[in-house]
């Protein structure tokens, strides 16, 4: 149990484990599009980080 939150008067609750039911297949054309769009998003949001890594 999480005892850190018990110090603040919050009662810890056990949550049920929910297994993943879907699998993501990246081998088809839709999967390639997902990878490309996520890559573009990461490159756009972390531009400065990638510039610093490139200059190392």
N, C-alpha and C. Protein backbone atom coordinates (compact mmCIF):
# COMPACT_ATOMS: atom_id res chain seq x y z
N UNK A 1 0.84 -1.19 0.00
CA UNK A 1 0.00 0.00 0.00
C UNK A 1 0.88 1.25 0.00
N UNK A 2 0.36 2.31 -0.48
CA UNK A 2 1.09 3.56 -0.55
C UNK A 2 0.97 4.29 0.79
N UNK A 3 2.05 4.28 1.56
CA UNK A 3 2.00 4.91 2.88
C UNK A 3 2.31 6.40 2.82
N UNK A 4 2.83 6.89 1.70
CA UNK A 4 3.16 8.31 1.59
C UNK A 4 1.91 9.18 1.63
N UNK A 5 0.84 8.73 0.99
CA UNK A 5 -0.37 9.55 0.98
C UNK A 5 -1.18 9.38 2.26
N UNK A 6 -0.92 8.33 3.03
CA UNK A 6 -1.63 8.13 4.29
C UNK A 6 -1.25 9.21 5.30
N UNK A 7 -0.06 9.80 5.14
CA UNK A 7 0.37 10.87 6.06
C UNK A 7 -0.53 12.09 5.93
N UNK A 8 -1.11 12.30 4.78
CA UNK A 8 -1.91 13.48 4.53
C UNK A 8 -3.40 13.25 4.75
N UNK A 9 -3.76 12.11 5.30
CA UNK A 9 -5.15 11.83 5.62
C UNK A 9 -5.93 11.21 4.48
N UNK A 10 -5.25 10.77 3.43
CA UNK A 10 -5.93 10.13 2.30
C UNK A 10 -5.81 8.63 2.48
N UNK A 11 -6.92 7.95 2.35
CA UNK A 11 -6.92 6.50 2.55
C UNK A 11 -6.55 5.81 1.23
N UNK A 12 -5.46 5.01 1.22
CA UNK A 12 -5.08 4.30 -0.01
C UNK A 12 -6.10 3.24 -0.38
N UNK A 13 -6.32 3.10 -1.68
CA UNK A 13 -7.30 2.15 -2.20
C UNK A 13 -6.58 1.24 -3.20
N UNK A 14 -6.87 -0.06 -3.14
CA UNK A 14 -6.28 -0.98 -4.12
C UNK A 14 -7.13 -0.95 -5.39
N UNK A 15 -6.46 -0.84 -6.50
CA UNK A 15 -7.14 -0.79 -7.80
C UNK A 15 -6.97 -2.13 -8.51
N UNK A 16 -7.97 -2.57 -9.26
CA UNK A 16 -7.83 -3.83 -9.98
C UNK A 16 -6.87 -3.69 -11.16
N UNK A 17 -6.14 -4.74 -11.44
CA UNK A 17 -5.25 -4.75 -12.59
C UNK A 17 -6.07 -5.00 -13.85
N UNK A 18 -5.94 -4.10 -14.83
CA UNK A 18 -6.69 -4.23 -16.07
C UNK A 18 -5.71 -4.60 -17.17
N UNK A 19 -5.82 -5.81 -17.73
CA UNK A 19 -4.89 -6.21 -18.78
C UNK A 19 -5.22 -5.52 -20.11
N UNK A 20 -4.20 -5.33 -20.92
CA UNK A 20 -4.41 -4.73 -22.25
C UNK A 20 -5.14 -5.73 -23.14
N UNK A 21 -6.13 -5.25 -23.87
CA UNK A 21 -6.92 -6.15 -24.71
C UNK A 21 -6.60 -6.00 -26.19
N UNK A 22 -6.05 -4.85 -26.59
CA UNK A 22 -5.76 -4.62 -28.00
C UNK A 22 -4.27 -4.71 -28.26
N UNK A 23 -3.93 -5.16 -29.45
CA UNK A 23 -2.54 -5.16 -29.87
C UNK A 23 -2.39 -4.19 -31.03
N UNK A 24 -1.26 -3.55 -31.10
CA UNK A 24 -1.02 -2.55 -32.13
C UNK A 24 -0.10 -3.16 -33.18
N UNK A 25 -0.60 -3.30 -34.40
CA UNK A 25 0.17 -3.87 -35.50
C UNK A 25 0.69 -2.74 -36.37
N UNK A 26 2.02 -2.56 -36.41
CA UNK A 26 2.61 -1.46 -37.16
C UNK A 26 3.18 -1.91 -38.50
N UNK A 27 2.86 -3.12 -38.94
CA UNK A 27 3.43 -3.64 -40.18
C UNK A 27 2.71 -3.17 -41.44
N UNK A 28 1.45 -2.79 -41.33
CA UNK A 28 0.69 -2.41 -42.52
C UNK A 28 0.83 -0.91 -42.80
N UNK A 29 0.12 -0.43 -43.79
CA UNK A 29 0.22 0.98 -44.20
C UNK A 29 -0.28 1.93 -43.11
N UNK A 30 -1.33 1.55 -42.40
CA UNK A 30 -1.83 2.38 -41.31
C UNK A 30 -0.81 2.49 -40.18
N UNK A 31 -0.11 1.39 -39.90
CA UNK A 31 0.93 1.42 -38.88
C UNK A 31 2.08 2.34 -39.25
N UNK A 32 2.46 2.34 -40.54
CA UNK A 32 3.51 3.23 -40.99
C UNK A 32 3.09 4.69 -40.83
N UNK A 33 1.84 4.97 -41.10
CA UNK A 33 1.32 6.33 -40.95
C UNK A 33 1.33 6.77 -39.49
N UNK A 34 1.01 5.85 -38.59
CA UNK A 34 1.04 6.15 -37.15
C UNK A 34 2.46 6.50 -36.72
N UNK A 35 3.43 5.70 -37.16
CA UNK A 35 4.82 5.93 -36.79
C UNK A 35 5.30 7.28 -37.34
N UNK A 36 4.97 7.58 -38.58
CA UNK A 36 5.39 8.85 -39.18
C UNK A 36 4.79 10.05 -38.45
N UNK A 37 3.51 9.99 -38.14
CA UNK A 37 2.86 11.13 -37.49
C UNK A 37 3.39 11.32 -36.07
N UNK A 38 3.62 10.23 -35.35
CA UNK A 38 4.17 10.35 -33.99
C UNK A 38 5.60 10.87 -34.02
N UNK A 39 6.37 10.46 -35.01
CA UNK A 39 7.74 10.94 -35.15
C UNK A 39 7.77 12.43 -35.42
N UNK A 40 6.90 12.89 -36.31
CA UNK A 40 6.82 14.32 -36.61
C UNK A 40 6.43 15.12 -35.37
N UNK A 41 5.51 14.58 -34.59
CA UNK A 41 5.07 15.27 -33.37
C UNK A 41 6.21 15.38 -32.37
N UNK A 42 6.96 14.30 -32.18
CA UNK A 42 8.08 14.31 -31.24
C UNK A 42 9.16 15.28 -31.71
N UNK A 43 9.47 15.27 -32.99
CA UNK A 43 10.49 16.17 -33.52
C UNK A 43 10.06 17.63 -33.38
N UNK A 44 8.77 17.89 -33.52
CA UNK A 44 8.28 19.26 -33.41
C UNK A 44 8.30 19.75 -31.96
N UNK A 45 7.94 18.88 -31.02
CA UNK A 45 7.86 19.31 -29.63
C UNK A 45 9.22 19.35 -28.94
N UNK A 46 10.18 18.56 -29.39
CA UNK A 46 11.49 18.48 -28.73
C UNK A 46 12.60 18.94 -29.66
N UNK A 47 12.38 20.02 -30.37
CA UNK A 47 13.35 20.51 -31.35
C UNK A 47 14.67 20.88 -30.69
N UNK A 48 14.62 21.61 -29.59
CA UNK A 48 15.85 22.04 -28.93
C UNK A 48 16.66 20.87 -28.39
N UNK A 49 15.98 19.87 -27.89
CA UNK A 49 16.66 18.69 -27.36
C UNK A 49 17.42 17.97 -28.45
N UNK A 50 16.80 17.80 -29.61
CA UNK A 50 17.47 17.11 -30.70
C UNK A 50 18.62 17.93 -31.27
N UNK A 51 18.50 19.27 -31.24
CA UNK A 51 19.61 20.10 -31.69
C UNK A 51 20.80 19.96 -30.76
N UNK A 52 20.54 19.94 -29.43
CA UNK A 52 21.61 19.76 -28.46
C UNK A 52 22.28 18.40 -28.61
N UNK A 53 21.49 17.36 -28.86
CA UNK A 53 22.05 16.02 -29.04
C UNK A 53 22.87 15.93 -30.31
N UNK A 54 22.46 16.64 -31.35
CA UNK A 54 23.19 16.62 -32.61
C UNK A 54 24.54 17.30 -32.50
N UNK A 55 24.63 18.30 -31.61
CA UNK A 55 25.87 19.05 -31.47
C UNK A 55 26.85 18.43 -30.47
N UNK A 56 26.48 17.35 -29.83
CA UNK A 56 27.36 16.71 -28.83
C UNK A 56 28.53 16.04 -29.49
